[in-house]
């Protein structure tokens, strides 16, 4: 079946198209077709997640937070005593690159960081549209979480995923209060 647009993605993900092989002539839709042709849910989610990380990294090639001495541009501007920017709230923080490879974290930048850059929106990422609405919501709100855990949340679904996110939120809150 030829895919010409992304308008009916909700239908293409359904069980009705489980055994349909998709094709496209549109270069922009190639990754979407690859994702739709992966019939195993977990493998499809892993593919989408990896491709979204690549797309975000390609879009934001520079260090938007402009870290110097472990302080971001906003912390330096506000003469804050904090270090590591908003990443200071993460259990896995480092003084350099992010170790967790999280889409939600990679998509969040404060106004100070975005002052000289055009912000990338979730809807600008074509593969984001392949995810279900519940998975889109979970992906947007799963900050400070390892890639493996986010993929598990997306694979488990809304009920178990929400419980897992809530548990990590409480754990993160306790960690933040202690430090």
C-alpha atoms as a PDB file:
ATOM      1  CA  UNK A   1       0.000   0.000   0.000  1.00  0.00           C
ATOM      2  CA  UNK A   2       1.344   3.431  -0.956  1.00  0.00           C
ATOM      3  CA  UNK A   3       1.556   6.021   1.805  1.00  0.00           C
ATOM      4  CA  UNK A   4       1.075   9.544   0.491  1.00  0.00           C
ATOM      5  CA  UNK A   5       0.460  11.580   3.659  1.00  0.00           C
ATOM      6  CA  UNK A   6       0.327  11.326   7.435  1.00  0.00           C
ATOM      7  CA  UNK A   7      -3.374  12.127   7.742  1.00  0.00           C
ATOM      8  CA  UNK A   8      -4.551   8.568   8.466  1.00  0.00           C
ATOM      9  CA  UNK A   9      -1.711   7.356  10.689  1.00  0.00           C
ATOM     10  CA  UNK A  10      -4.134   6.452  13.479  1.00  0.00           C
ATOM     11  CA  UNK A  11      -5.761   3.986  11.091  1.00  0.00           C
ATOM     12  CA  UNK A  12      -2.503   2.547   9.721  1.00  0.00           C
ATOM     13  CA  UNK A  13      -1.407   1.602  13.258  1.00  0.00           C
ATOM     14  CA  UNK A  14      -4.555  -0.450  13.818  1.00  0.00           C
ATOM     15  CA  UNK A  15      -4.760  -4.234  13.704  1.00  0.00           C
ATOM     16  CA  UNK A  16      -6.497  -3.965  10.302  1.00  0.00           C
ATOM     17  CA  UNK A  17      -3.134  -3.107   8.714  1.00  0.00           C
ATOM     18  CA  UNK A  18      -1.108  -5.669  10.678  1.00  0.00           C
ATOM     19  CA  UNK A  19      -0.063  -7.598   7.553  1.00  0.00           C
ATOM     20  CA  UNK A  20       0.041  -4.705   5.073  1.00  0.00           C
ATOM     21  CA  UNK A  21       3.420  -3.659   3.678  1.00  0.00           C
ATOM     22  CA  UNK A  22       3.671   0.093   3.177  1.00  0.00           C
ATOM     23  CA  UNK A  23       5.627   1.904   0.468  1.00  0.00           C
ATOM     24  CA  UNK A  24       6.139   5.526  -0.468  1.00  0.00           C
ATOM     25  CA  UNK A  25       7.647   7.693  -3.169  1.00  0.00           C
ATOM     26  CA  UNK A  26       7.890  10.643  -0.794  1.00  0.00           C
ATOM     27  CA  UNK A  27      11.367  10.931   0.749  1.00  0.00           C
ATOM     28  CA  UNK A  28       9.981  12.729   3.826  1.00  0.00           C
ATOM     29  CA  UNK A  29       7.779   9.734   4.646  1.00  0.00           C
ATOM     30  CA  UNK A  30      10.481   7.058   4.387  1.00  0.00           C
ATOM     31  CA  UNK A  31      11.072   6.792   8.150  1.00  0.00           C
ATOM     32  CA  UNK A  32       7.326   6.674   8.773  1.00  0.00           C
ATOM     33  CA  UNK A  33       6.994   3.823   6.290  1.00  0.00           C
ATOM     34  CA  UNK A  34       9.909   2.007   7.941  1.00  0.00           C
ATOM     35  CA  UNK A  35       8.215   2.407  11.322  1.00  0.00           C
ATOM     36  CA  UNK A  36       4.825   1.236  10.047  1.00  0.00           C
ATOM     37  CA  UNK A  37       6.440  -1.803   8.444  1.00  0.00           C
ATOM     38  CA  UNK A  38       7.903  -2.883  11.791  1.00  0.00           C
ATOM     39  CA  UNK A  39       5.028  -5.001  13.065  1.00  0.00           C
ATOM     40  CA  UNK A  40       6.542  -5.806  16.480  1.00  0.00           C
ATOM     41  CA  UNK A  41       5.391  -3.049  18.860  1.00  0.00           C
ATOM     42  CA  UNK A  42       8.540  -2.913  20.992  1.00  0.00           C
ATOM     43  CA  UNK A  43      10.857  -2.879  17.956  1.00  0.00           C
ATOM     44  CA  UNK A  44       8.761  -0.129  16.339  1.00  0.00           C
ATOM     45  CA  UNK A  45       8.923   2.001  19.512  1.00  0.00           C
ATOM     46  CA  UNK A  46      12.705   1.463  19.758  1.00  0.00           C
ATOM     47  CA  UNK A  47      13.124   2.485  16.110  1.00  0.00           C
ATOM     48  CA  UNK A  48      10.953   5.592  16.518  1.00  0.00           C
ATOM     49  CA  UNK A  49      12.763   6.612  19.699  1.00  0.00           C
ATOM     50  CA  UNK A  50      16.236   6.191  18.167  1.00  0.00           C
ATOM     51  CA  UNK A  51      15.273   8.134  15.033  1.00  0.00           C
ATOM     52  CA  UNK A  52      13.722  10.943  17.073  1.00  0.00           C
ATOM     53  CA  UNK A  53      16.928  11.254  19.131  1.00  0.00           C
ATOM     54  CA  UNK A  54      18.916  11.489  15.857  1.00  0.00           C
ATOM     55  CA  UNK A  55      16.545  14.127  14.460  1.00  0.00           C
ATOM     56  CA  UNK A  56      16.728  16.260  17.609  1.00  0.00           C
ATOM     57  CA  UNK A  57      20.536  15.988  17.726  1.00  0.00           C
ATOM     58  CA  UNK A  58      20.782  16.976  14.034  1.00  0.00           C
ATOM     59  CA  UNK A  59      18.461  19.956  14.568  1.00  0.00           C
ATOM     60  CA  UNK A  60      20.228  21.269  17.682  1.00  0.00           C
ATOM     61  CA  UNK A  61      23.853  20.813  16.633  1.00  0.00           C
ATOM     62  CA  UNK A  62      25.114  23.433  19.060  1.00  0.00           C
ATOM     63  CA  UNK A  63      25.080  23.482  22.853  1.00  0.00           C
ATOM     64  CA  UNK A  64      22.029  25.695  23.331  1.00  0.00           C
ATOM     65  CA  UNK A  65      22.483  25.856  27.104  1.00  0.00           C
ATOM     66  CA  UNK A  66      26.005  27.278  26.559  1.00  0.00           C
ATOM     67  CA  UNK A  67      27.534  25.596  29.598  1.00  0.00           C
ATOM     68  CA  UNK A  68      30.596  27.237  31.138  1.00  0.00           C
ATOM     69  CA  UNK A  69      31.971  25.975  34.452  1.00  0.00           C
ATOM     70  CA  UNK A  70      28.906  23.688  34.711  1.00  0.00           C
ATOM     71  CA  UNK A  71      26.513  26.664  34.641  1.00  0.00           C
ATOM     72  CA  UNK A  72      24.055  27.240  31.818  1.00  0.00           C
ATOM     73  CA  UNK A  73      23.346  30.612  30.240  1.00  0.00           C
ATOM     74  CA  UNK A  74      20.263  31.186  32.443  1.00  0.00           C
ATOM     75  CA  UNK A  75      22.158  30.423  35.644  1.00  0.00           C
ATOM     76  CA  UNK A  76      24.989  32.746  34.680  1.00  0.00           C
ATOM     77  CA  UNK A  77      22.545  35.491  33.661  1.00  0.00           C
ATOM     78  CA  UNK A  78      20.637  35.208  36.973  1.00  0.00           C
ATOM     79  CA  UNK A  79      23.857  34.821  38.993  1.00  0.00           C
ATOM     80  CA  UNK A  80      22.496  31.591  40.426  1.00  0.00           C
ATOM     81  CA  UNK A  81      24.418  29.317  42.783  1.00  0.00           C
ATOM     82  CA  UNK A  82      23.024  26.250  41.029  1.00  0.00           C
ATOM     83  CA  UNK A  83      25.027  24.234  38.515  1.00  0.00           C
ATOM     84  CA  UNK A  84      24.122  21.877  35.647  1.00  0.00           C
ATOM     85  CA  UNK A  85      21.095  23.893  34.503  1.00  0.00           C
ATOM     86  CA  UNK A  86      17.748  22.133  34.720  1.00  0.00           C
ATOM     87  CA  UNK A  87      19.706  18.869  34.546  1.00  0.00           C
ATOM     88  CA  UNK A  88      20.566  19.396  38.219  1.00  0.00           C
ATOM     89  CA  UNK A  89      17.147  17.848  38.933  1.00  0.00           C
ATOM     90  CA  UNK A  90      18.132  14.598  37.208  1.00  0.00           C
ATOM     91  CA  UNK A  91      19.368  11.562  39.133  1.00  0.00           C
ATOM     92  CA  UNK A  92      21.823  10.902  36.309  1.00  0.00           C
ATOM     93  CA  UNK A  93      23.289  14.405  35.956  1.00  0.00           C
ATOM     94  CA  UNK A  94      26.833  14.986  34.819  1.00  0.00           C
ATOM     95  CA  UNK A  95      28.885  18.051  34.122  1.00  0.00           C
ATOM     96  CA  UNK A  96      28.805  17.303  30.408  1.00  0.00           C
ATOM     97  CA  UNK A  97      26.646  15.341  28.003  1.00  0.00           C
ATOM     98  CA  UNK A  98      23.388  13.682  28.970  1.00  0.00           C
ATOM     99  CA  UNK A  99      23.755  10.008  29.789  1.00  0.00           C
ATOM    100  CA  UNK A 100      20.059   9.106  29.684  1.00  0.00           C
ATOM    101  CA  UNK A 101      19.305  10.015  26.046  1.00  0.00           C
ATOM    102  CA  UNK A 102      15.793  11.234  26.858  1.00  0.00           C
ATOM    103  CA  UNK A 103      13.550  12.773  24.176  1.00  0.00           C
ATOM    104  CA  UNK A 104      11.581  14.943  26.637  1.00  0.00           C
ATOM    105  CA  UNK A 105      14.793  16.398  28.079  1.00  0.00           C
ATOM    106  CA  UNK A 106      16.286  16.955  24.631  1.00  0.00           C
ATOM    107  CA  UNK A 107      13.140  18.816  23.549  1.00  0.00           C
ATOM    108  CA  UNK A 108      13.071  21.153  26.565  1.00  0.00           C
ATOM    109  CA  UNK A 109      15.025  24.380  26.471  1.00  0.00           C
ATOM    110  CA  UNK A 110      14.305  27.481  28.549  1.00  0.00           C
ATOM    111  CA  UNK A 111      13.734  30.909  26.990  1.00  0.00           C
ATOM    112  CA  UNK A 112      17.319  31.993  27.656  1.00  0.00           C
ATOM    113  CA  UNK A 113      18.676  29.045  25.666  1.00  0.00           C
ATOM    114  CA  UNK A 114      16.200  29.522  22.809  1.00  0.00           C
ATOM    115  CA  UNK A 115      16.739  33.272  22.504  1.00  0.00           C
ATOM    116  CA  UNK A 116      18.822  32.957  19.313  1.00  0.00           C
ATOM    117  CA  UNK A 117      17.379  29.676  18.001  1.00  0.00           C
ATOM    118  CA  UNK A 118      14.128  28.483  16.468  1.00  0.00           C
ATOM    119  CA  UNK A 119      12.481  25.967  18.804  1.00  0.00           C
ATOM    120  CA  UNK A 120      11.857  22.456  17.517  1.00  0.00           C
ATOM    121  CA  UNK A 121       8.303  21.308  18.274  1.00  0.00           C
ATOM    122  CA  UNK A 122       7.168  17.714  18.701  1.00  0.00           C
ATOM    123  CA  UNK A 123       4.924  17.994  15.632  1.00  0.00           C
ATOM    124  CA  UNK A 124       7.990  18.932  13.575  1.00  0.00           C
ATOM    125  CA  UNK A 125       9.238  15.384  14.184  1.00  0.00           C
ATOM    126  CA  UNK A 126       7.382  13.259  11.636  1.00  0.00           C
ATOM    127  CA  UNK A 127       7.894  10.009  13.553  1.00  0.00           C
ATOM    128  CA  UNK A 128       6.224  11.483  16.627  1.00  0.00           C
ATOM    129  CA  UNK A 129       2.942  11.238  14.732  1.00  0.00           C
ATOM    130  CA  UNK A 130       3.344   7.463  14.378  1.00  0.00           C
ATOM    131  CA  UNK A 131       3.010   7.030  18.155  1.00  0.00           C
ATOM    132  CA  UNK A 132      -0.427   6.717  19.714  1.00  0.00           C
ATOM    133  CA  UNK A 133      -1.844   9.731  21.565  1.00  0.00           C
ATOM    134  CA  UNK A 134      -1.166   8.090  24.939  1.00  0.00           C
ATOM    135  CA  UNK A 135       2.421   7.321  23.936  1.00  0.00           C
ATOM    136  CA  UNK A 136       2.853  10.892  22.705  1.00  0.00           C
ATOM    137  CA  UNK A 137       1.678  12.207  26.072  1.00  0.00           C
ATOM    138  CA  UNK A 138       3.934   9.821  27.995  1.00  0.00           C
ATOM    139  CA  UNK A 139       6.946  10.664  25.837  1.00  0.00           C
ATOM    140  CA  UNK A 140       6.431  14.405  26.364  1.00  0.00           C
ATOM    141  CA  UNK A 141       6.209  14.084  30.149  1.00  0.00           C
ATOM    142  CA  UNK A 142       8.836  11.431  30.941  1.00  0.00           C
ATOM    143  CA  UNK A 143      11.689  13.776  31.964  1.00  0.00           C
ATOM    144  CA  UNK A 144      14.922  12.673  33.674  1.00  0.00           C
ATOM    145  CA  UNK A 145      14.426   9.017  32.765  1.00  0.00           C
ATOM    146  CA  UNK A 146      16.769   6.555  31.089  1.00  0.00           C
ATOM    147  CA  UNK A 147      16.024   5.649  27.485  1.00  0.00           C
ATOM    148  CA  UNK A 148      15.361   1.987  28.394  1.00  0.00           C
ATOM    149  CA  UNK A 149      12.748   2.998  30.973  1.00  0.00           C
ATOM    150  CA  UNK A 150      10.971   5.359  28.573  1.00  0.00           C
ATOM    151  CA  UNK A 151      10.796   2.625  25.933  1.00  0.00           C
ATOM    152  CA  UNK A 152       9.370   0.209  28.535  1.00  0.00           C
ATOM    153  CA  UNK A 153       6.755   2.810  29.534  1.00  0.00           C
ATOM    154  CA  UNK A 154       5.717   3.325  25.923  1.00  0.00           C
ATOM    155  CA  UNK A 155       5.556  -0.422  25.346  1.00  0.00           C
ATOM    156  CA  UNK A 156       3.548  -1.233  28.493  1.00  0.00           C
ATOM    157  CA  UNK A 157       0.804   1.253  27.764  1.00  0.00           C
ATOM    158  CA  UNK A 158      -0.922   4.009  29.688  1.00  0.00           C
ATOM    159  CA  UNK A 159      -1.855   2.258  32.945  1.00  0.00           C
ATOM    160  CA  UNK A 160       1.436   0.590  33.828  1.00  0.00           C
ATOM    161  CA  UNK A 161       3.433   3.367  32.167  1.00  0.00           C
ATOM    162  CA  UNK A 162       1.686   5.995  34.287  1.00  0.00           C
ATOM    163  CA  UNK A 163       2.384   4.026  37.450  1.00  0.00           C
ATOM    164  CA  UNK A 164       6.049   3.745  36.495  1.00  0.00           C
ATOM    165  CA  UNK A 165       6.276   7.477  35.689  1.00  0.00           C
ATOM    166  CA  UNK A 166       4.592   8.354  39.001  1.00  0.00           C
ATOM    167  CA  UNK A 167       7.018   6.128  40.918  1.00  0.00           C
ATOM    168  CA  UNK A 168      10.019   7.774  39.225  1.00  0.00           C
ATOM    169  CA  UNK A 169       8.555  11.238  39.851  1.00  0.00           C
ATOM    170  CA  UNK A 170       8.251  10.521  43.589  1.00  0.00           C
ATOM    171  CA  UNK A 171      11.764   9.039  43.632  1.00  0.00           C
ATOM    172  CA  UNK A 172      13.101  12.104  41.827  1.00  0.00           C
ATOM    173  CA  UNK A 173      11.247  14.449  44.207  1.00  0.00           C
ATOM    174  CA  UNK A 174      12.752  12.716  47.247  1.00  0.00           C
ATOM    175  CA  UNK A 175      16.216  12.864  45.665  1.00  0.00           C
ATOM    176  CA  UNK A 176      15.800  16.566  44.920  1.00  0.00           C
ATOM    177  CA  UNK A 177      14.633  17.355  48.456  1.00  0.00           C
ATOM    178  CA  UNK A 178      17.615  15.496  49.977  1.00  0.00           C
ATOM    179  CA  UNK A 179      20.108  17.356  47.800  1.00  0.00           C
END
